[in-house]
Every structure is written in structure tokens, then in C-alpha cells.
Amino acid sequence: MWALNEVEGLVKKAARGAGFPVGQAEDLGRVAAFLAGTGGSIAPVTAALQEPISGVDVRWDNDQVTVVQGPAALIGPIIRDAFAMGCKTAVLAKLAHTPLVGAFLAQSGVAQKWDGKTVMPSDTTVLTPTCKAVAIPDADWQIWLDLAAKTYVPETAASRLAGAGAGLTDND
């Protein structure tokens, strides 16, 4: 069992290890905690962490934003921000991205209705996360740990001399 802050923190580190910029890593961590806290599947988060990072191609046309290409973890915040700016409709390039984009919107308090790859804001109620410990499947947790490990400084004599880890002396 894990606390939501542990879920959020590990996903942030995993996203950095996967190569995401700091802001998107923070967003993805919050979305992971939201999904876990509302009882949703965290599989879209793990899939997003393993999706290759590529350029984002988004087209704006009056009240609609259309995603031509891009990873779900990068387009989720774009659509969230588009709705905050008054956009009425968003169309995704991939149906597989709908769960994560929906979670980005819900985590930000944006209720939504979907028609295939098209999403519009709605006036429904958004779930709120629980404050109790959550279970994360071991396979997902291990993927997150492996990606987070890519951010660690390698253990060397020089890093120990510089104070990494417990250092060369332990005076506790």
C-alpha cells in the first residue's frame, strides 16, 4: 500500500528518467496520484511513461483544437489549457490517449464528455481522490522504479567524497 504523495513522487522521478521536462513530469505525477486516489487504473500513466517522446503537432481552429500527433503525457496539459482558454472541443489523434487525457482534465477539475476521440467540457461532477493508502500493481511500480533509477547519480569514489550517500564517514 502506498500514500498518494509516494505515488506522485515516484511518477515524477520516473517521468524525468523517461526524458520528460520537469513541468510535464510534475503534471504526470499529479495525474497518477489522482487516478490512484479515485480508484482509476494507473495503466495509462505507465503506458505514457513508456511512449516515445516526440514532437507535438496541434492545430487550432476557432473553438477547436486538433491533436495531429504527440505523446499523451504532453498533449494532456495542452488540451487542459485549451479548455481553460475557452476552447469548446478537442480531437485526439489516438483513441488510446483518451484515458490519460481524461485524467489530466479531471485532475484539474474539468468535467468532460467524450464521443470517440472528441472531448468537450461538460457540467458533470468530477471525482475527488481519497486520502487513504492505495494499491499499485507491482509491475507498474517496478517500471516506475526502473525509470526513476535513470535519474540517480552513479556511485563512485568521487561522488562519495563529494558527500553522496552516507559519505565516507558515518558519525551517527
N, C-alpha and C. Protein backbone atom coordinates (compact mmCIF):
# COMPACT_ATOMS: atom_id res chain seq x y z
N MET A 1 0.84 -1.18 0.00
CA MET A 1 0.00 0.00 0.00
C MET A 1 0.89 1.25 0.00
N TRP A 2 0.45 2.25 -0.72
CA TRP A 2 1.25 3.46 -0.89
C TRP A 2 0.40 4.69 -0.62
N ALA A 3 1.03 5.72 -0.09
CA ALA A 3 0.38 7.01 0.08
C ALA A 3 0.37 7.72 -1.27
N LEU A 4 -0.60 8.59 -1.48
CA LEU A 4 -0.69 9.29 -2.76
C LEU A 4 0.54 10.15 -3.04
N ASN A 5 1.15 10.71 -2.00
CA ASN A 5 2.36 11.51 -2.24
C ASN A 5 3.52 10.63 -2.70
N GLU A 6 3.55 9.37 -2.26
CA GLU A 6 4.59 8.45 -2.74
C GLU A 6 4.37 8.12 -4.20
N VAL A 7 3.12 7.91 -4.58
CA VAL A 7 2.78 7.64 -5.99
C VAL A 7 3.20 8.84 -6.84
N GLU A 8 2.79 10.02 -6.42
CA GLU A 8 3.11 11.24 -7.17
C GLU A 8 4.62 11.43 -7.29
N GLY A 9 5.33 11.27 -6.19
CA GLY A 9 6.78 11.48 -6.20
C GLY A 9 7.52 10.51 -7.09
N LEU A 10 7.14 9.24 -7.03
CA LEU A 10 7.83 8.25 -7.86
C LEU A 10 7.53 8.46 -9.34
N VAL A 11 6.29 8.78 -9.67
CA VAL A 11 5.96 9.02 -11.08
C VAL A 11 6.69 10.26 -11.60
N LYS A 12 6.84 11.29 -10.78
CA LYS A 12 7.62 12.46 -11.19
C LYS A 12 9.04 12.04 -11.55
N LYS A 13 9.67 11.25 -10.67
CA LYS A 13 11.03 10.79 -10.93
C LYS A 13 11.09 9.90 -12.16
N ALA A 14 10.10 9.02 -12.31
CA ALA A 14 10.05 8.12 -13.47
C ALA A 14 9.91 8.93 -14.76
N ALA A 15 9.09 9.96 -14.73
CA ALA A 15 8.90 10.79 -15.92
C ALA A 15 10.20 11.52 -16.28
N ARG A 16 10.92 11.99 -15.28
CA ARG A 16 12.21 12.62 -15.55
C ARG A 16 13.18 11.59 -16.14
N GLY A 17 13.16 10.37 -15.58
CA GLY A 17 14.01 9.31 -16.10
C GLY A 17 13.64 8.92 -17.53
N ALA A 18 12.37 9.08 -17.88
CA ALA A 18 11.91 8.76 -19.24
C ALA A 18 12.22 9.89 -20.21
N GLY A 19 12.67 11.04 -19.67
CA GLY A 19 13.07 12.15 -20.53
C GLY A 19 12.08 13.30 -20.62
N PHE A 20 11.02 13.28 -19.82
CA PHE A 20 10.05 14.35 -19.86
C PHE A 20 10.60 15.61 -19.18
N PRO A 21 10.21 16.78 -19.67
CA PRO A 21 10.60 18.02 -18.99
C PRO A 21 10.00 18.07 -17.58
N VAL A 22 10.57 18.91 -16.73
CA VAL A 22 10.17 18.98 -15.32
C VAL A 22 8.67 19.26 -15.18
N GLY A 23 8.14 20.22 -15.89
CA GLY A 23 6.73 20.58 -15.76
C GLY A 23 5.80 19.43 -16.11
N GLN A 24 6.10 18.73 -17.20
CA GLN A 24 5.26 17.59 -17.58
C GLN A 24 5.42 16.44 -16.60
N ALA A 25 6.62 16.29 -16.04
CA ALA A 25 6.82 15.24 -15.03
C ALA A 25 5.97 15.53 -13.79
N GLU A 26 5.92 16.79 -13.40
CA GLU A 26 5.10 17.17 -12.25
C GLU A 26 3.62 16.93 -12.55
N ASP A 27 3.18 17.33 -13.74
CA ASP A 27 1.79 17.11 -14.14
C ASP A 27 1.44 15.63 -14.12
N LEU A 28 2.31 14.81 -14.67
CA LEU A 28 2.05 13.37 -14.74
C LEU A 28 2.01 12.76 -13.34
N GLY A 29 2.86 13.24 -12.44
CA GLY A 29 2.83 12.76 -11.06
C GLY A 29 1.49 13.06 -10.40
N ARG A 30 0.99 14.28 -10.60
CA ARG A 30 -0.31 14.65 -10.02
C ARG A 30 -1.44 13.80 -10.61
N VAL A 31 -1.37 13.54 -11.90
CA VAL A 31 -2.40 12.72 -12.55
C VAL A 31 -2.36 11.30 -12.02
N ALA A 32 -1.16 10.76 -11.81
CA ALA A 32 -1.04 9.40 -11.28
C ALA A 32 -1.66 9.32 -9.89
N ALA A 33 -1.38 10.31 -9.05
CA ALA A 33 -1.96 10.34 -7.70
C ALA A 33 -3.48 10.48 -7.78
N PHE A 34 -3.97 11.28 -8.70
CA PHE A 34 -5.41 11.45 -8.88
C PHE A 34 -6.05 10.12 -9.28
N LEU A 35 -5.48 9.46 -10.28
CA LEU A 35 -6.05 8.18 -10.72
C LEU A 35 -6.04 7.15 -9.61
N ALA A 36 -4.91 7.04 -8.92
CA ALA A 36 -4.82 6.07 -7.82
C ALA A 36 -5.80 6.42 -6.71
N GLY A 37 -5.93 7.69 -6.41
CA GLY A 37 -6.80 8.13 -5.33
C GLY A 37 -8.28 8.03 -5.62
N THR A 38 -8.63 7.98 -6.90
CA THR A 38 -10.05 7.85 -7.26
C THR A 38 -10.39 6.41 -7.63
N GLY A 39 -9.42 5.51 -7.51
CA GLY A 39 -9.68 4.11 -7.83
C GLY A 39 -9.57 3.78 -9.31
N GLY A 40 -9.06 4.73 -10.09
CA GLY A 40 -8.90 4.50 -11.52
C GLY A 40 -7.67 3.67 -11.82
N SER A 41 -7.61 3.16 -13.01
CA SER A 41 -6.45 2.39 -13.45
C SER A 41 -5.28 3.32 -13.68
N ILE A 42 -4.11 2.94 -13.20
CA ILE A 42 -2.91 3.74 -13.44
C ILE A 42 -2.17 3.25 -14.68
N ALA A 43 -2.74 2.27 -15.37
CA ALA A 43 -2.12 1.75 -16.59
C ALA A 43 -1.85 2.84 -17.63
N PRO A 44 -2.74 3.85 -17.81
CA PRO A 44 -2.42 4.91 -18.79
C PRO A 44 -1.16 5.71 -18.42
N VAL A 45 -0.88 5.83 -17.13
CA VAL A 45 0.32 6.54 -16.70
C VAL A 45 1.56 5.73 -17.08
N THR A 46 1.52 4.44 -16.80
CA THR A 46 2.65 3.58 -17.13
C THR A 46 2.86 3.55 -18.65
N ALA A 47 1.77 3.47 -19.40
CA ALA A 47 1.88 3.48 -20.87
C ALA A 47 2.49 4.79 -21.36
N ALA A 48 2.08 5.91 -20.76
CA ALA A 48 2.62 7.21 -21.17
C ALA A 48 4.11 7.31 -20.87
N LEU A 49 4.54 6.73 -19.76
CA LEU A 49 5.97 6.76 -19.42
C LEU A 49 6.80 5.95 -20.40
N GLN A 50 6.18 4.97 -21.04
CA GLN A 50 6.91 4.11 -21.97
C GLN A 50 6.73 4.54 -23.43
N GLU A 51 5.87 5.51 -23.66
CA GLU A 51 5.64 6.01 -25.01
C GLU A 51 6.82 6.88 -25.44
N PRO A 52 7.31 6.71 -26.65
CA PRO A 52 8.43 7.55 -27.09
C PRO A 52 8.05 9.03 -27.07
N ILE A 53 8.97 9.85 -26.63
CA ILE A 53 8.74 11.29 -26.64
C ILE A 53 8.98 11.79 -28.05
N SER A 54 8.00 12.49 -28.56
CA SER A 54 8.10 13.02 -29.92
C SER A 54 7.55 14.43 -29.92
N GLY A 55 7.69 15.08 -31.05
CA GLY A 55 7.15 16.42 -31.18
C GLY A 55 5.64 16.41 -31.11
N VAL A 56 5.08 17.52 -30.69
CA VAL A 56 3.64 17.66 -30.60
C VAL A 56 3.18 18.54 -31.75
N ASP A 57 2.17 18.08 -32.48
CA ASP A 57 1.59 18.84 -33.57
C ASP A 57 0.12 19.05 -33.24
N VAL A 58 -0.24 20.29 -32.92
CA VAL A 58 -1.60 20.64 -32.53
C VAL A 58 -2.08 21.75 -33.46
N ARG A 59 -3.31 21.61 -33.95
CA ARG A 59 -3.89 22.62 -34.84
C ARG A 59 -5.04 23.32 -34.12
N TRP A 60 -5.04 24.63 -34.18
CA TRP A 60 -6.07 25.44 -33.53
C TRP A 60 -6.98 26.01 -34.60
N ASP A 61 -8.30 25.87 -34.40
CA ASP A 61 -9.26 26.41 -35.35
C ASP A 61 -10.47 26.92 -34.57
N ASN A 62 -10.55 28.22 -34.39
CA ASN A 62 -11.63 28.86 -33.64
C ASN A 62 -11.81 28.20 -32.27
N ASP A 63 -12.88 27.46 -32.07
CA ASP A 63 -13.19 26.86 -30.78
C ASP A 63 -12.77 25.40 -30.66
N GLN A 64 -11.91 24.92 -31.56
CA GLN A 64 -11.49 23.51 -31.54
C GLN A 64 -9.98 23.40 -31.63
N VAL A 65 -9.45 22.44 -30.90
CA VAL A 65 -8.04 22.09 -31.00
C VAL A 65 -7.99 20.64 -31.48
N THR A 66 -7.14 20.38 -32.48
CA THR A 66 -6.99 19.04 -33.02
C THR A 66 -5.55 18.59 -32.84
N VAL A 67 -5.38 17.45 -32.19
CA VAL A 67 -4.06 16.89 -32.00
C VAL A 67 -3.74 16.01 -33.20
N VAL A 68 -2.69 16.36 -33.92
CA VAL A 68 -2.27 15.57 -35.07
C VAL A 68 -1.33 14.47 -34.62
N GLN A 69 -0.41 14.80 -33.71
CA GLN A 69 0.50 13.80 -33.16
C GLN A 69 1.10 14.32 -31.86
N GLY A 70 1.61 13.39 -31.09
CA GLY A 70 2.28 13.73 -29.85
C GLY A 70 1.96 12.71 -28.77
N PRO A 71 2.84 12.55 -27.80
CA PRO A 71 2.60 11.61 -26.70
C PRO A 71 1.52 12.14 -25.76
N ALA A 72 0.77 11.23 -25.18
CA ALA A 72 -0.36 11.58 -24.31
C ALA A 72 0.06 12.46 -23.15
N ALA A 73 1.22 12.22 -22.57
CA ALA A 73 1.66 12.99 -21.41
C ALA A 73 1.94 14.45 -21.76
N LEU A 74 2.19 14.73 -23.03
CA LEU A 74 2.42 16.11 -23.45
C LEU A 74 1.16 16.78 -23.96
N ILE A 75 0.25 16.00 -24.57
CA ILE A 75 -0.96 16.63 -25.11
C ILE A 75 -2.04 16.82 -24.04
N GLY A 76 -2.01 16.03 -22.97
CA GLY A 76 -2.99 16.21 -21.89
C GLY A 76 -3.00 17.63 -21.36
N PRO A 77 -1.84 18.18 -20.98
CA PRO A 77 -1.82 19.55 -20.48
C PRO A 77 -2.23 20.59 -21.54
N ILE A 78 -1.94 20.31 -22.80
CA ILE A 78 -2.32 21.25 -23.87
C ILE A 78 -3.84 21.35 -23.96
N ILE A 79 -4.51 20.20 -23.92
CA ILE A 79 -5.97 20.20 -24.01
C ILE A 79 -6.58 20.82 -22.75
N ARG A 80 -6.01 20.50 -21.59
CA ARG A 80 -6.47 21.12 -20.35
C ARG A 80 -6.39 22.64 -20.44
N ASP A 81 -5.26 23.14 -20.94
CA ASP A 81 -5.08 24.58 -21.06
C ASP A 81 -5.99 25.17 -22.14
N ALA A 82 -6.22 24.43 -23.22
CA ALA A 82 -7.12 24.91 -24.28
C ALA A 82 -8.52 25.12 -23.73
N PHE A 83 -9.00 24.19 -22.91
CA PHE A 83 -10.32 24.35 -22.31
C PHE A 83 -10.34 25.53 -21.34
N ALA A 84 -9.25 25.73 -20.62
CA ALA A 84 -9.17 26.86 -19.69
C ALA A 84 -9.23 28.19 -20.45
N MET A 85 -8.77 28.19 -21.71
CA MET A 85 -8.80 29.40 -22.54
C MET A 85 -10.11 29.56 -23.30
N GLY A 86 -11.06 28.65 -23.08
CA GLY A 86 -12.37 28.78 -23.71
C GLY A 86 -12.62 27.90 -24.90
N CYS A 87 -11.68 27.05 -25.25
CA CYS A 87 -11.88 26.11 -26.36
C CYS A 87 -13.07 25.20 -26.04
N LYS A 88 -13.87 24.87 -27.04
CA LYS A 88 -15.10 24.10 -26.81
C LYS A 88 -14.94 22.61 -27.12
N THR A 89 -13.99 22.25 -28.00
CA THR A 89 -13.84 20.86 -28.44
C THR A 89 -12.37 20.54 -28.68
N ALA A 90 -11.99 19.31 -28.37
CA ALA A 90 -10.65 18.82 -28.69
C ALA A 90 -10.78 17.46 -29.35
N VAL A 91 -9.97 17.23 -30.36
CA VAL A 91 -9.97 15.96 -31.07
C VAL A 91 -8.57 15.36 -30.97
N LEU A 92 -8.50 14.14 -30.48
CA LEU A 92 -7.21 13.47 -30.32
C LEU A 92 -6.84 12.68 -31.57
N ALA A 93 -5.56 12.45 -31.76
CA ALA A 93 -5.09 11.65 -32.88
C ALA A 93 -5.27 10.16 -32.60
N LYS A 94 -5.13 9.76 -31.32
CA LYS A 94 -5.19 8.34 -30.97
C LYS A 94 -6.24 8.09 -29.89
N LEU A 95 -7.08 7.12 -30.14
CA LEU A 95 -8.10 6.73 -29.16
C LEU A 95 -7.44 6.23 -27.87
N ALA A 96 -6.27 5.62 -27.99
CA ALA A 96 -5.56 5.09 -26.82
C ALA A 96 -5.17 6.20 -25.83
N HIS A 97 -5.13 7.45 -26.27
CA HIS A 97 -4.75 8.55 -25.39
C HIS A 97 -5.92 9.08 -24.55
N THR A 98 -7.14 8.65 -24.85
CA THR A 98 -8.30 9.23 -24.15
C THR A 98 -8.27 9.02 -22.63
N PRO A 99 -7.87 7.84 -22.10
CA PRO A 99 -7.89 7.70 -20.64
C PRO A 99 -6.95 8.68 -19.93
N LEU A 100 -5.75 8.88 -20.46
CA LEU A 100 -4.81 9.78 -19.79
C LEU A 100 -5.22 11.23 -19.96
N VAL A 101 -5.67 11.61 -21.14
CA VAL A 101 -6.12 12.99 -21.34
C VAL A 101 -7.33 13.26 -20.45
N GLY A 102 -8.24 12.31 -20.36
CA GLY A 102 -9.39 12.46 -19.47
C GLY A 102 -8.96 12.64 -18.03
N ALA A 103 -7.92 11.91 -17.62
CA ALA A 103 -7.41 12.03 -16.25
C ALA A 103 -6.76 13.40 -16.03
N PHE A 104 -6.03 13.90 -17.03
CA PHE A 104 -5.45 15.24 -16.92
C PHE A 104 -6.55 16.27 -16.70
N LEU A 105 -7.62 16.15 -17.46
CA LEU A 105 -8.73 17.10 -17.34
C LEU A 105 -9.40 16.98 -15.97
N ALA A 106 -9.72 15.75 -15.58
CA ALA A 106 -10.42 15.53 -14.31
C ALA A 106 -9.57 15.98 -13.13
N GLN A 107 -8.28 15.69 -13.16
CA GLN A 107 -7.39 16.09 -12.07
C GLN A 107 -7.39 17.60 -11.91
N SER A 108 -7.61 18.31 -13.00
CA SER A 108 -7.66 19.78 -12.97
C SER A 108 -9.06 20.30 -12.68
N GLY A 109 -10.01 19.40 -12.44
CA GLY A 109 -11.37 19.81 -12.13
C GLY A 109 -12.24 20.05 -13.35
N VAL A 110 -11.79 19.62 -14.53
CA VAL A 110 -12.56 19.82 -15.76
C VAL A 110 -13.41 18.58 -16.03
N ALA A 111 -14.72 18.72 -15.87
CA ALA A 111 -15.64 17.64 -16.23
C ALA A 111 -15.69 17.56 -17.75
N GLN A 112 -15.99 16.39 -18.28
CA GLN A 112 -15.91 16.21 -19.73
C GLN A 112 -16.88 15.17 -20.23
N LYS A 113 -17.18 15.26 -21.51
CA LYS A 113 -17.94 14.20 -22.18
C LYS A 113 -17.19 13.85 -23.46
N TRP A 114 -17.20 12.56 -23.75
CA TRP A 114 -16.41 12.03 -24.85
C TRP A 114 -17.31 11.45 -25.93
N ASP A 115 -16.88 11.58 -27.16
CA ASP A 115 -17.50 10.91 -28.31
C ASP A 115 -16.34 10.39 -29.15
N GLY A 116 -15.91 9.16 -28.86
CA GLY A 116 -14.74 8.61 -29.53
C GLY A 116 -13.50 9.38 -29.12
N LYS A 117 -12.83 9.99 -30.11
CA LYS A 117 -11.61 10.75 -29.85
C LYS A 117 -11.89 12.24 -29.60
N THR A 118 -13.15 12.61 -29.55
CA THR A 118 -13.53 14.01 -29.35
C THR A 118 -14.00 14.22 -27.92
N VAL A 119 -13.50 15.29 -27.31
CA VAL A 119 -13.87 15.61 -25.92
C VAL A 119 -14.34 17.05 -25.84
N MET A 120 -15.35 17.24 -25.00
CA MET A 120 -15.90 18.58 -24.74
C MET A 120 -16.08 18.74 -23.24
N PRO A 121 -15.92 19.95 -22.74
CA PRO A 121 -16.22 20.17 -21.32
C PRO A 121 -17.70 19.92 -21.06
N SER A 122 -18.02 19.47 -19.85
CA SER A 122 -19.42 19.26 -19.50
C SER A 122 -19.67 19.80 -18.10
N ASP A 123 -20.89 19.65 -17.64
CA ASP A 123 -21.23 20.17 -16.32
C ASP A 123 -21.44 19.06 -15.29
N THR A 124 -20.86 17.90 -15.53
CA THR A 124 -20.97 16.79 -14.58
C THR A 124 -20.01 17.00 -13.41
N THR A 125 -20.10 16.14 -12.43
CA THR A 125 -19.25 16.24 -11.25
C THR A 125 -17.96 15.45 -11.46
N VAL A 126 -16.86 16.02 -11.01
CA VAL A 126 -15.56 15.35 -11.10
C VAL A 126 -15.28 14.65 -9.77
N LEU A 127 -14.80 13.41 -9.85
CA LEU A 127 -14.44 12.67 -8.63
C LEU A 127 -13.30 13.37 -7.90
N THR A 128 -13.24 13.17 -6.59
CA THR A 128 -12.12 13.67 -5.81
C THR A 128 -11.36 12.48 -5.23
N PRO A 129 -10.06 12.59 -5.13
CA PRO A 129 -9.26 11.46 -4.62
C PRO A 129 -9.53 11.18 -3.15
N THR A 130 -9.27 9.95 -2.76
CA THR A 130 -9.36 9.53 -1.37
C THR A 130 -8.10 9.97 -0.64
N CYS A 131 -8.11 9.90 0.64
CA CYS A 131 -6.92 10.24 1.43
C CYS A 131 -6.32 9.01 2.09
N LYS A 132 -6.71 7.83 1.66
CA LYS A 132 -6.17 6.61 2.26
C LYS A 132 -5.14 5.97 1.33
N ALA A 133 -4.41 5.01 1.87
CA ALA A 133 -3.38 4.33 1.09
C ALA A 133 -4.00 3.60 -0.09
N VAL A 134 -3.24 3.49 -1.17
CA VAL A 134 -3.72 2.86 -2.39
C VAL A 134 -2.80 1.72 -2.78
N ALA A 135 -3.34 0.77 -3.50
CA ALA A 135 -2.56 -0.35 -4.02
C ALA A 135 -2.16 -0.05 -5.46
N ILE A 136 -0.91 -0.25 -5.77
CA ILE A 136 -0.39 -0.08 -7.13
C ILE A 136 0.13 -1.45 -7.56
N PRO A 137 -0.26 -1.92 -8.74
CA PRO A 137 0.25 -3.22 -9.19
C PRO A 137 1.78 -3.24 -9.20
N ASP A 138 2.33 -4.35 -8.76
CA ASP A 138 3.80 -4.49 -8.66
C ASP A 138 4.49 -4.22 -9.99
N ALA A 139 3.90 -4.68 -11.10
CA ALA A 139 4.54 -4.49 -12.41
C ALA A 139 4.66 -3.01 -12.74
N ASP A 140 3.63 -2.23 -12.47
CA ASP A 140 3.68 -0.80 -12.74
C ASP A 140 4.70 -0.12 -11.82
N TRP A 141 4.66 -0.47 -10.54
CA TRP A 141 5.60 0.13 -9.58
C TRP A 141 7.04 -0.13 -10.00
N GLN A 142 7.32 -1.35 -10.47
CA GLN A 142 8.68 -1.69 -10.88
C GLN A 142 9.11 -0.90 -12.11
N ILE A 143 8.21 -0.70 -13.06
CA ILE A 143 8.53 0.11 -14.24
C ILE A 143 8.86 1.53 -13.79
N TRP A 144 8.07 2.07 -12.86
CA TRP A 144 8.31 3.41 -12.35
C TRP A 144 9.67 3.48 -11.66
N LEU A 145 9.98 2.47 -10.83
CA LEU A 145 11.28 2.44 -10.14
C LEU A 145 12.44 2.40 -11.14
N ASP A 146 12.30 1.56 -12.17
CA ASP A 146 13.38 1.42 -13.16
C ASP A 146 13.61 2.74 -13.90
N LEU A 147 12.53 3.43 -14.26
CA LEU A 147 12.69 4.72 -14.94
C LEU A 147 13.27 5.77 -14.00
N ALA A 148 12.82 5.78 -12.75
CA ALA A 148 13.33 6.74 -11.77
C ALA A 148 14.83 6.53 -11.54
N ALA A 149 15.28 5.27 -11.59
CA ALA A 149 16.69 4.96 -11.36
C ALA A 149 17.60 5.62 -12.39
N LYS A 150 17.06 5.98 -13.55
CA LYS A 150 17.86 6.65 -14.57
C LYS A 150 18.26 8.06 -14.16
N THR A 151 17.64 8.58 -13.10
CA THR A 151 17.97 9.93 -12.63
C THR A 151 19.01 9.92 -11.53
N TYR A 152 19.40 8.75 -11.06
CA TYR A 152 20.32 8.67 -9.93
C TYR A 152 21.76 8.88 -10.39
N VAL A 153 22.55 9.49 -9.53
CA VAL A 153 23.98 9.68 -9.79
C VAL A 153 24.68 8.35 -9.57
N PRO A 154 25.53 7.93 -10.51
CA PRO A 154 26.25 6.67 -10.32
C PRO A 154 27.14 6.73 -9.07
N GLU A 155 27.24 5.61 -8.38
CA GLU A 155 28.08 5.54 -7.19
C GLU A 155 29.54 5.41 -7.61
N THR A 156 30.33 6.39 -7.20
CA THR A 156 31.77 6.37 -7.48
C THR A 156 32.49 6.90 -6.24
N ALA A 157 33.79 6.68 -6.22
CA ALA A 157 34.58 7.21 -5.10
C ALA A 157 34.48 8.74 -5.09
N ALA A 158 34.47 9.35 -6.27
CA ALA A 158 34.40 10.82 -6.35
C ALA A 158 33.05 11.32 -5.81
N SER A 159 31.97 10.61 -6.13
CA SER A 159 30.67 11.08 -5.63
C SER A 159 30.59 10.91 -4.11
N ARG A 160 31.22 9.87 -3.58
CA ARG A 160 31.25 9.68 -2.12
C ARG A 160 32.05 10.80 -1.45
N LEU A 161 33.18 11.16 -2.05
CA LEU A 161 33.99 12.26 -1.50
C LEU A 161 33.21 13.57 -1.50
N ALA A 162 32.34 13.73 -2.51
CA ALA A 162 31.54 14.95 -2.62
C ALA A 162 30.33 14.93 -1.69
N GLY A 163 30.12 13.82 -0.97
CA GLY A 163 29.04 13.77 0.00
C GLY A 163 27.83 12.97 -0.40
N ALA A 164 27.88 12.27 -1.54
CA ALA A 164 26.74 11.46 -1.97
C ALA A 164 26.55 10.29 -1.01
N GLY A 165 25.33 9.88 -0.86
CA GLY A 165 25.03 8.76 0.03
C GLY A 165 25.35 9.13 1.47
N ALA A 166 25.86 8.18 2.21
CA ALA A 166 26.21 8.43 3.61
C ALA A 166 27.61 9.04 3.72
N GLY A 167 28.26 9.20 2.57
CA GLY A 167 29.62 9.74 2.59
C GLY A 167 30.61 8.67 3.02
N LEU A 168 31.82 9.10 3.32
CA LEU A 168 32.86 8.15 3.70
C LEU A 168 32.89 7.88 5.19
N THR A 169 32.24 8.74 5.95
CA THR A 169 32.19 8.53 7.39
C THR A 169 30.73 8.60 7.84
N ASP A 170 30.45 7.81 8.84
CA ASP A 170 29.10 7.81 9.40
C ASP A 170 29.25 8.07 10.89
N ASN A 171 28.88 9.25 11.32
CA ASN A 171 29.10 9.61 12.71
C ASN A 171 27.82 9.64 13.53
N ASP A 172 26.80 8.93 13.09
CA ASP A 172 25.54 8.89 13.85
C ASP A 172 25.66 8.07 15.09
